[in-house]
Amino acid sequence: MSEKPPKKVKTKSKRTMEQEKTIRLLLRQLNDIQAQAEKILTGEKSNEAIEGFARYSAELKDYIMKNVKNSDIKSYLIKIPNVNYSRTNVKFWQYIILPAWWISLFYDYMARNKTVAEINEAKGKYANLEFLIKRISDNK
């Protein structure tokens, strides 16, 4: 009896494996930024947390814009709001003049609330972006 030649096993090319690795990394980063947003939205509204989210969001958007070639993803990425927040630093002289100190705190409170609303919007857009990337990667 003659032996049949072994069946060729389909293996993924190195390029495809690299693409999958990149997609997995990107999806993990999208999950991370959504988790960070959720922490801020559920109570941890510290200046450091908000500034960290703003930095991470800007870096992630920049990374996606440079490394993802899909035009649908890039056009959706533009819709994600830029989160800009810088805390108000109360100067020593403002402590001496009581009304100026309260005004500074009020402006910081208003800026923080505005930023939290932007973070909420960005969180939803990042969730939609994650869904879009999963859908596109499943179709390939």
N, C-alpha and C. Protein backbone atom coordinates (compact mmCIF):
# COMPACT_ATOMS: atom_id res chain seq x y z
N MET A 1 0.83 -1.15 0.00
CA MET A 1 0.00 0.00 0.00
C MET A 1 0.89 1.24 0.00
N SER A 2 0.56 2.17 -0.85
CA SER A 2 1.39 3.37 -0.93
C SER A 2 0.89 4.41 0.06
N GLU A 3 1.82 5.13 0.59
CA GLU A 3 1.46 6.16 1.56
C GLU A 3 1.09 7.45 0.86
N LYS A 4 0.09 8.06 1.42
CA LYS A 4 -0.34 9.35 0.88
C LYS A 4 0.60 10.43 1.40
N PRO A 5 0.84 11.42 0.56
CA PRO A 5 1.68 12.51 1.08
C PRO A 5 0.94 13.24 2.20
N PRO A 6 1.67 13.74 3.17
CA PRO A 6 1.01 14.44 4.29
C PRO A 6 0.25 15.66 3.79
N LYS A 7 -0.87 15.88 4.42
CA LYS A 7 -1.68 17.04 4.06
C LYS A 7 -0.93 18.31 4.46
N LYS A 8 -1.09 19.30 3.62
CA LYS A 8 -0.48 20.58 3.95
C LYS A 8 -1.36 21.27 4.99
N VAL A 9 -0.73 21.63 6.04
CA VAL A 9 -1.43 22.33 7.11
C VAL A 9 -1.31 23.82 6.81
N LYS A 10 -2.46 24.45 6.82
CA LYS A 10 -2.43 25.89 6.57
C LYS A 10 -1.86 26.58 7.79
N THR A 11 -0.84 27.34 7.54
CA THR A 11 -0.26 28.14 8.61
C THR A 11 -0.41 29.60 8.25
N LYS A 12 -0.54 30.36 9.26
CA LYS A 12 -0.69 31.79 9.03
C LYS A 12 0.67 32.37 8.69
N SER A 13 0.66 33.27 7.77
CA SER A 13 1.92 33.91 7.42
C SER A 13 2.39 34.77 8.58
N LYS A 14 3.66 35.09 8.54
CA LYS A 14 4.22 35.90 9.61
C LYS A 14 3.54 37.27 9.66
N ARG A 15 3.21 37.79 8.49
CA ARG A 15 2.57 39.10 8.44
C ARG A 15 1.20 39.04 9.12
N THR A 16 0.44 38.00 8.87
CA THR A 16 -0.88 37.87 9.48
C THR A 16 -0.76 37.73 10.99
N MET A 17 0.24 36.98 11.44
CA MET A 17 0.43 36.81 12.87
C MET A 17 0.79 38.14 13.51
N GLU A 18 1.61 38.93 12.83
CA GLU A 18 1.97 40.25 13.34
C GLU A 18 0.74 41.17 13.40
N GLN A 19 -0.09 41.08 12.38
CA GLN A 19 -1.31 41.89 12.36
C GLN A 19 -2.23 41.51 13.51
N GLU A 20 -2.38 40.22 13.74
CA GLU A 20 -3.23 39.76 14.84
C GLU A 20 -2.68 40.21 16.18
N LYS A 21 -1.37 40.16 16.32
CA LYS A 21 -0.74 40.60 17.56
C LYS A 21 -1.00 42.09 17.76
N THR A 22 -0.87 42.88 16.70
CA THR A 22 -1.12 44.31 16.78
C THR A 22 -2.57 44.59 17.14
N ILE A 23 -3.49 43.85 16.54
CA ILE A 23 -4.91 44.04 16.83
C ILE A 23 -5.22 43.69 18.28
N ARG A 24 -4.65 42.57 18.77
CA ARG A 24 -4.86 42.19 20.17
C ARG A 24 -4.33 43.26 21.11
N LEU A 25 -3.15 43.80 20.81
CA LEU A 25 -2.56 44.85 21.63
C LEU A 25 -3.44 46.10 21.61
N LEU A 26 -3.91 46.46 20.44
CA LEU A 26 -4.77 47.64 20.32
C LEU A 26 -6.09 47.44 21.08
N LEU A 27 -6.68 46.27 20.98
CA LEU A 27 -7.93 45.99 21.69
C LEU A 27 -7.71 46.03 23.21
N ARG A 28 -6.55 45.55 23.65
CA ARG A 28 -6.24 45.60 25.09
C ARG A 28 -6.11 47.05 25.55
N GLN A 29 -5.45 47.89 24.73
CA GLN A 29 -5.30 49.29 25.08
C GLN A 29 -6.65 50.00 25.10
N LEU A 30 -7.53 49.65 24.18
CA LEU A 30 -8.87 50.24 24.17
C LEU A 30 -9.64 49.82 25.43
N ASN A 31 -9.48 48.58 25.85
CA ASN A 31 -10.11 48.13 27.10
C ASN A 31 -9.53 48.88 28.30
N ASP A 32 -8.22 49.08 28.30
CA ASP A 32 -7.57 49.79 29.40
C ASP A 32 -8.07 51.22 29.52
N ILE A 33 -8.17 51.92 28.41
CA ILE A 33 -8.59 53.32 28.48
C ILE A 33 -10.06 53.42 28.89
N GLN A 34 -10.87 52.44 28.50
CA GLN A 34 -12.27 52.44 28.95
C GLN A 34 -12.35 52.17 30.45
N ALA A 35 -11.48 51.30 30.95
CA ALA A 35 -11.46 51.02 32.39
C ALA A 35 -11.01 52.25 33.17
N GLN A 36 -10.02 52.97 32.63
CA GLN A 36 -9.58 54.21 33.27
C GLN A 36 -10.71 55.22 33.31
N ALA A 37 -11.43 55.34 32.21
CA ALA A 37 -12.56 56.28 32.15
C ALA A 37 -13.63 55.88 33.17
N GLU A 38 -13.89 54.60 33.27
CA GLU A 38 -14.91 54.12 34.21
C GLU A 38 -14.54 54.45 35.65
N LYS A 39 -13.25 54.33 35.98
CA LYS A 39 -12.81 54.68 37.34
C LYS A 39 -13.07 56.15 37.63
N ILE A 40 -12.78 57.00 36.65
CA ILE A 40 -13.00 58.43 36.84
C ILE A 40 -14.48 58.73 36.96
N LEU A 41 -15.29 58.10 36.13
CA LEU A 41 -16.73 58.37 36.11
C LEU A 41 -17.43 57.85 37.36
N THR A 42 -16.85 56.84 38.01
CA THR A 42 -17.49 56.27 39.19
C THR A 42 -16.93 56.81 40.50
N GLY A 43 -16.09 57.84 40.42
CA GLY A 43 -15.71 58.45 41.68
C GLY A 43 -14.29 58.94 41.83
N GLU A 44 -13.32 58.34 41.17
CA GLU A 44 -11.94 58.76 41.36
C GLU A 44 -11.65 59.95 40.43
N LYS A 45 -12.10 61.12 40.85
CA LYS A 45 -11.96 62.31 40.02
C LYS A 45 -10.76 63.15 40.45
N SER A 46 -9.69 62.48 40.80
CA SER A 46 -8.50 63.22 41.22
C SER A 46 -7.85 63.88 40.00
N ASN A 47 -7.11 64.92 40.27
CA ASN A 47 -6.41 65.62 39.20
C ASN A 47 -5.47 64.68 38.45
N GLU A 48 -4.78 63.83 39.19
CA GLU A 48 -3.82 62.91 38.59
C GLU A 48 -4.51 61.91 37.67
N ALA A 49 -5.66 61.38 38.10
CA ALA A 49 -6.38 60.41 37.28
C ALA A 49 -6.88 61.05 35.99
N ILE A 50 -7.40 62.26 36.10
CA ILE A 50 -7.92 62.95 34.91
C ILE A 50 -6.78 63.31 33.96
N GLU A 51 -5.69 63.82 34.50
CA GLU A 51 -4.54 64.16 33.66
C GLU A 51 -3.94 62.91 33.01
N GLY A 52 -3.91 61.80 33.75
CA GLY A 52 -3.41 60.54 33.21
C GLY A 52 -4.27 60.05 32.06
N PHE A 53 -5.59 60.14 32.23
CA PHE A 53 -6.49 59.74 31.15
C PHE A 53 -6.28 60.61 29.92
N ALA A 54 -6.16 61.91 30.12
CA ALA A 54 -5.99 62.84 28.99
C ALA A 54 -4.70 62.51 28.23
N ARG A 55 -3.62 62.23 28.96
CA ARG A 55 -2.35 61.88 28.32
C ARG A 55 -2.47 60.57 27.56
N TYR A 56 -3.04 59.55 28.20
CA TYR A 56 -3.17 58.23 27.59
C TYR A 56 -4.06 58.30 26.36
N SER A 57 -5.13 59.06 26.44
CA SER A 57 -6.04 59.20 25.30
C SER A 57 -5.32 59.84 24.11
N ALA A 58 -4.56 60.89 24.35
CA ALA A 58 -3.83 61.56 23.27
C ALA A 58 -2.79 60.63 22.65
N GLU A 59 -2.07 59.89 23.50
CA GLU A 59 -1.05 58.97 22.99
C GLU A 59 -1.68 57.83 22.20
N LEU A 60 -2.81 57.31 22.67
CA LEU A 60 -3.47 56.22 21.99
C LEU A 60 -4.01 56.67 20.63
N LYS A 61 -4.61 57.84 20.59
CA LYS A 61 -5.11 58.36 19.32
C LYS A 61 -3.96 58.58 18.34
N ASP A 62 -2.85 59.09 18.82
CA ASP A 62 -1.68 59.30 17.97
C ASP A 62 -1.15 57.97 17.44
N TYR A 63 -1.07 56.96 18.31
CA TYR A 63 -0.59 55.63 17.91
C TYR A 63 -1.49 55.03 16.84
N ILE A 64 -2.79 55.10 17.05
CA ILE A 64 -3.72 54.53 16.08
C ILE A 64 -3.62 55.27 14.75
N MET A 65 -3.54 56.58 14.80
CA MET A 65 -3.46 57.37 13.57
C MET A 65 -2.21 57.01 12.76
N LYS A 66 -1.09 56.76 13.45
CA LYS A 66 0.15 56.46 12.76
C LYS A 66 0.25 55.01 12.29
N ASN A 67 -0.37 54.08 13.02
CA ASN A 67 -0.13 52.66 12.75
C ASN A 67 -1.28 51.90 12.12
N VAL A 68 -2.46 52.45 12.12
CA VAL A 68 -3.60 51.76 11.51
C VAL A 68 -3.86 52.39 10.15
N LYS A 69 -4.00 51.54 9.15
CA LYS A 69 -4.15 52.03 7.80
C LYS A 69 -5.60 52.13 7.33
N ASN A 70 -6.51 51.55 8.08
CA ASN A 70 -7.93 51.53 7.68
C ASN A 70 -8.53 52.93 7.76
N SER A 71 -9.12 53.38 6.68
CA SER A 71 -9.67 54.74 6.62
C SER A 71 -10.92 54.89 7.49
N ASP A 72 -11.71 53.81 7.64
CA ASP A 72 -12.90 53.88 8.50
C ASP A 72 -12.51 54.15 9.95
N ILE A 73 -11.47 53.47 10.39
CA ILE A 73 -11.00 53.64 11.77
C ILE A 73 -10.44 55.05 11.96
N LYS A 74 -9.66 55.51 10.99
CA LYS A 74 -9.09 56.85 11.09
C LYS A 74 -10.17 57.93 11.09
N SER A 75 -11.19 57.75 10.27
CA SER A 75 -12.25 58.77 10.24
C SER A 75 -13.06 58.74 11.53
N TYR A 76 -13.25 57.57 12.13
CA TYR A 76 -13.96 57.50 13.42
C TYR A 76 -13.10 58.07 14.55
N LEU A 77 -11.80 57.88 14.45
CA LEU A 77 -10.88 58.36 15.48
C LEU A 77 -10.97 59.88 15.64
N ILE A 78 -11.23 60.57 14.56
CA ILE A 78 -11.34 62.03 14.60
C ILE A 78 -12.53 62.46 15.44
N LYS A 79 -13.56 61.61 15.55
CA LYS A 79 -14.76 61.95 16.31
C LYS A 79 -14.55 61.86 17.82
N ILE A 80 -13.49 61.19 18.25
CA ILE A 80 -13.23 61.06 19.68
C ILE A 80 -12.71 62.40 20.20
N PRO A 81 -13.35 62.95 21.23
CA PRO A 81 -12.94 64.28 21.70
C PRO A 81 -11.56 64.25 22.36
N ASN A 82 -10.83 65.33 22.16
CA ASN A 82 -9.56 65.51 22.87
C ASN A 82 -9.88 65.97 24.28
N VAL A 83 -9.35 65.27 25.24
CA VAL A 83 -9.59 65.61 26.63
C VAL A 83 -8.44 66.49 27.10
N ASN A 84 -8.76 67.72 27.41
CA ASN A 84 -7.75 68.68 27.86
C ASN A 84 -8.11 69.13 29.27
N TYR A 85 -7.18 68.91 30.18
CA TYR A 85 -7.41 69.34 31.56
C TYR A 85 -6.09 69.73 32.17
N SER A 86 -6.07 70.87 32.78
CA SER A 86 -4.92 71.25 33.59
C SER A 86 -5.47 71.84 34.88
N ARG A 87 -4.97 71.34 35.95
CA ARG A 87 -5.50 71.75 37.25
C ARG A 87 -5.17 73.20 37.54
N THR A 88 -6.01 73.80 38.34
CA THR A 88 -5.81 75.18 38.77
C THR A 88 -4.90 75.16 39.98
N ASN A 89 -3.82 75.89 39.88
CA ASN A 89 -2.90 76.00 41.02
C ASN A 89 -3.21 77.29 41.76
N VAL A 90 -3.53 77.14 43.02
CA VAL A 90 -3.85 78.30 43.85
C VAL A 90 -2.53 78.88 44.35
N LYS A 91 -2.32 80.13 44.07
CA LYS A 91 -1.10 80.83 44.48
C LYS A 91 -1.22 81.24 45.95
N PHE A 92 -0.08 81.47 46.56
CA PHE A 92 -0.06 81.85 47.97
C PHE A 92 -0.86 83.12 48.23
N TRP A 93 -0.72 84.10 47.35
CA TRP A 93 -1.41 85.36 47.56
C TRP A 93 -2.93 85.20 47.47
N GLN A 94 -3.39 84.14 46.75
CA GLN A 94 -4.83 83.91 46.66
C GLN A 94 -5.41 83.42 47.98
N TYR A 95 -4.59 82.76 48.79
CA TYR A 95 -5.05 82.35 50.11
C TYR A 95 -5.27 83.56 51.01
N ILE A 96 -4.46 84.56 50.80
CA ILE A 96 -4.57 85.77 51.62
C ILE A 96 -5.85 86.53 51.26
N ILE A 97 -6.12 86.60 49.97
CA ILE A 97 -7.33 87.29 49.51
C ILE A 97 -8.41 86.21 49.34
N LEU A 98 -9.26 86.05 50.32
CA LEU A 98 -10.21 84.96 50.39
C LEU A 98 -11.10 84.82 49.15
N PRO A 99 -11.72 85.86 48.62
CA PRO A 99 -12.59 85.66 47.46
C PRO A 99 -11.85 85.11 46.24
N ALA A 100 -10.61 85.52 46.02
CA ALA A 100 -9.86 85.03 44.86
C ALA A 100 -9.62 83.53 44.98
N TRP A 101 -9.40 83.05 46.18
CA TRP A 101 -9.18 81.62 46.40
C TRP A 101 -10.44 80.83 46.05
N TRP A 102 -11.60 81.29 46.49
CA TRP A 102 -12.85 80.60 46.20
C TRP A 102 -13.17 80.62 44.72
N ILE A 103 -12.86 81.71 44.06
CA ILE A 103 -13.10 81.81 42.62
C ILE A 103 -12.23 80.80 41.87
N SER A 104 -10.98 80.67 42.27
CA SER A 104 -10.09 79.69 41.64
C SER A 104 -10.61 78.28 41.82
N LEU A 105 -11.07 77.97 43.02
CA LEU A 105 -11.62 76.64 43.26
C LEU A 105 -12.89 76.39 42.44
N PHE A 106 -13.71 77.42 42.29
CA PHE A 106 -14.93 77.28 41.49
C PHE A 106 -14.59 77.02 40.02
N TYR A 107 -13.62 77.74 39.48
CA TYR A 107 -13.21 77.53 38.09
C TYR A 107 -12.63 76.13 37.90
N ASP A 108 -11.88 75.66 38.87
CA ASP A 108 -11.34 74.30 38.79
C ASP A 108 -12.46 73.27 38.83
N TYR A 109 -13.44 73.49 39.68
CA TYR A 109 -14.60 72.59 39.78
C TYR A 109 -15.35 72.53 38.46
N MET A 110 -15.57 73.68 37.84
CA MET A 110 -16.29 73.73 36.56
C MET A 110 -15.48 73.05 35.45
N ALA A 111 -14.17 73.29 35.43
CA ALA A 111 -13.31 72.67 34.42
C ALA A 111 -13.28 71.15 34.59
N ARG A 112 -13.25 70.70 35.83
CA ARG A 112 -13.24 69.26 36.09
C ARG A 112 -14.55 68.62 35.64
N ASN A 113 -15.68 69.26 35.92
CA ASN A 113 -16.97 68.72 35.48
C ASN A 113 -17.05 68.65 33.96
N LYS A 114 -16.56 69.66 33.28
CA LYS A 114 -16.55 69.68 31.82
C LYS A 114 -15.67 68.54 31.28
N THR A 115 -14.53 68.35 31.92
CA THR A 115 -13.60 67.31 31.51
C THR A 115 -14.20 65.92 31.75
N VAL A 116 -14.90 65.74 32.85
CA VAL A 116 -15.53 64.45 33.14
C VAL A 116 -16.60 64.15 32.08
N ALA A 117 -17.33 65.15 31.64
CA ALA A 117 -18.30 64.95 30.56
C ALA A 117 -17.60 64.55 29.26
N GLU A 118 -16.44 65.16 28.98
CA GLU A 118 -15.66 64.78 27.79
C GLU A 118 -15.15 63.35 27.92
N ILE A 119 -14.74 62.95 29.11
CA ILE A 119 -14.25 61.59 29.34
C ILE A 119 -15.38 60.59 29.13
N ASN A 120 -16.58 60.93 29.58
CA ASN A 120 -17.73 60.06 29.38
C ASN A 120 -18.00 59.86 27.88
N GLU A 121 -17.95 60.95 27.12
CA GLU A 121 -18.15 60.86 25.68
C GLU A 121 -17.04 60.04 25.02
N ALA A 122 -15.79 60.29 25.43
CA ALA A 122 -14.66 59.56 24.86
C ALA A 122 -14.76 58.07 25.17
N LYS A 123 -15.22 57.73 26.36
CA LYS A 123 -15.35 56.31 26.74
C LYS A 123 -16.31 55.60 25.79
N GLY A 124 -17.44 56.22 25.50
CA GLY A 124 -18.39 55.63 24.57
C GLY A 124 -17.82 55.50 23.17
N LYS A 125 -17.08 56.50 22.74
CA LYS A 125 -16.47 56.46 21.39
C LYS A 125 -15.39 55.38 21.33
N TYR A 126 -14.61 55.22 22.41
CA TYR A 126 -13.60 54.17 22.42
C TYR A 126 -14.26 52.78 22.38
N ALA A 127 -15.39 52.63 23.05
CA ALA A 127 -16.12 51.35 22.99
C ALA A 127 -16.59 51.07 21.56
N ASN A 128 -17.10 52.09 20.89
CA ASN A 128 -17.53 51.92 19.50
C ASN A 128 -16.33 51.61 18.60
N LEU A 129 -15.21 52.26 18.85
CA LEU A 129 -14.00 52.01 18.08
C LEU A 129 -13.53 50.57 18.27
N GLU A 130 -13.61 50.08 19.50
CA GLU A 130 -13.25 48.69 19.77
C GLU A 130 -14.13 47.74 18.97
N PHE A 131 -15.42 48.00 18.95
CA PHE A 131 -16.36 47.18 18.19
C PHE A 131 -16.03 47.24 16.69
N LEU A 132 -15.72 48.43 16.19
CA LEU A 132 -15.39 48.60 14.78
C LEU A 132 -14.13 47.81 14.42
N ILE A 133 -13.12 47.87 15.26
CA ILE A 133 -11.88 47.13 15.00
C ILE A 133 -12.13 45.64 15.03
N LYS A 134 -12.91 45.16 15.98
CA LYS A 134 -13.22 43.73 16.05
C LYS A 134 -13.96 43.29 14.80
N ARG A 135 -14.92 44.09 14.36
CA ARG A 135 -15.69 43.74 13.16
C ARG A 135 -14.81 43.70 11.92
N ILE A 136 -13.95 44.69 11.78
CA ILE A 136 -13.05 44.73 10.62
C ILE A 136 -12.06 43.58 10.65
N SER A 137 -11.50 43.28 11.83
CA SER A 137 -10.52 42.21 11.91
C SER A 137 -11.16 40.83 11.72
N ASP A 138 -12.43 40.67 12.09
CA ASP A 138 -13.11 39.40 11.86
C ASP A 138 -13.41 39.17 10.40
N ASN A 139 -13.57 40.23 9.64
CA ASN A 139 -13.89 40.11 8.21
C ASN A 139 -12.67 39.79 7.37
N LYS A 140 -11.48 39.92 7.92
CA LYS A 140 -10.28 39.66 7.13
C LYS A 140 -9.94 38.21 7.11
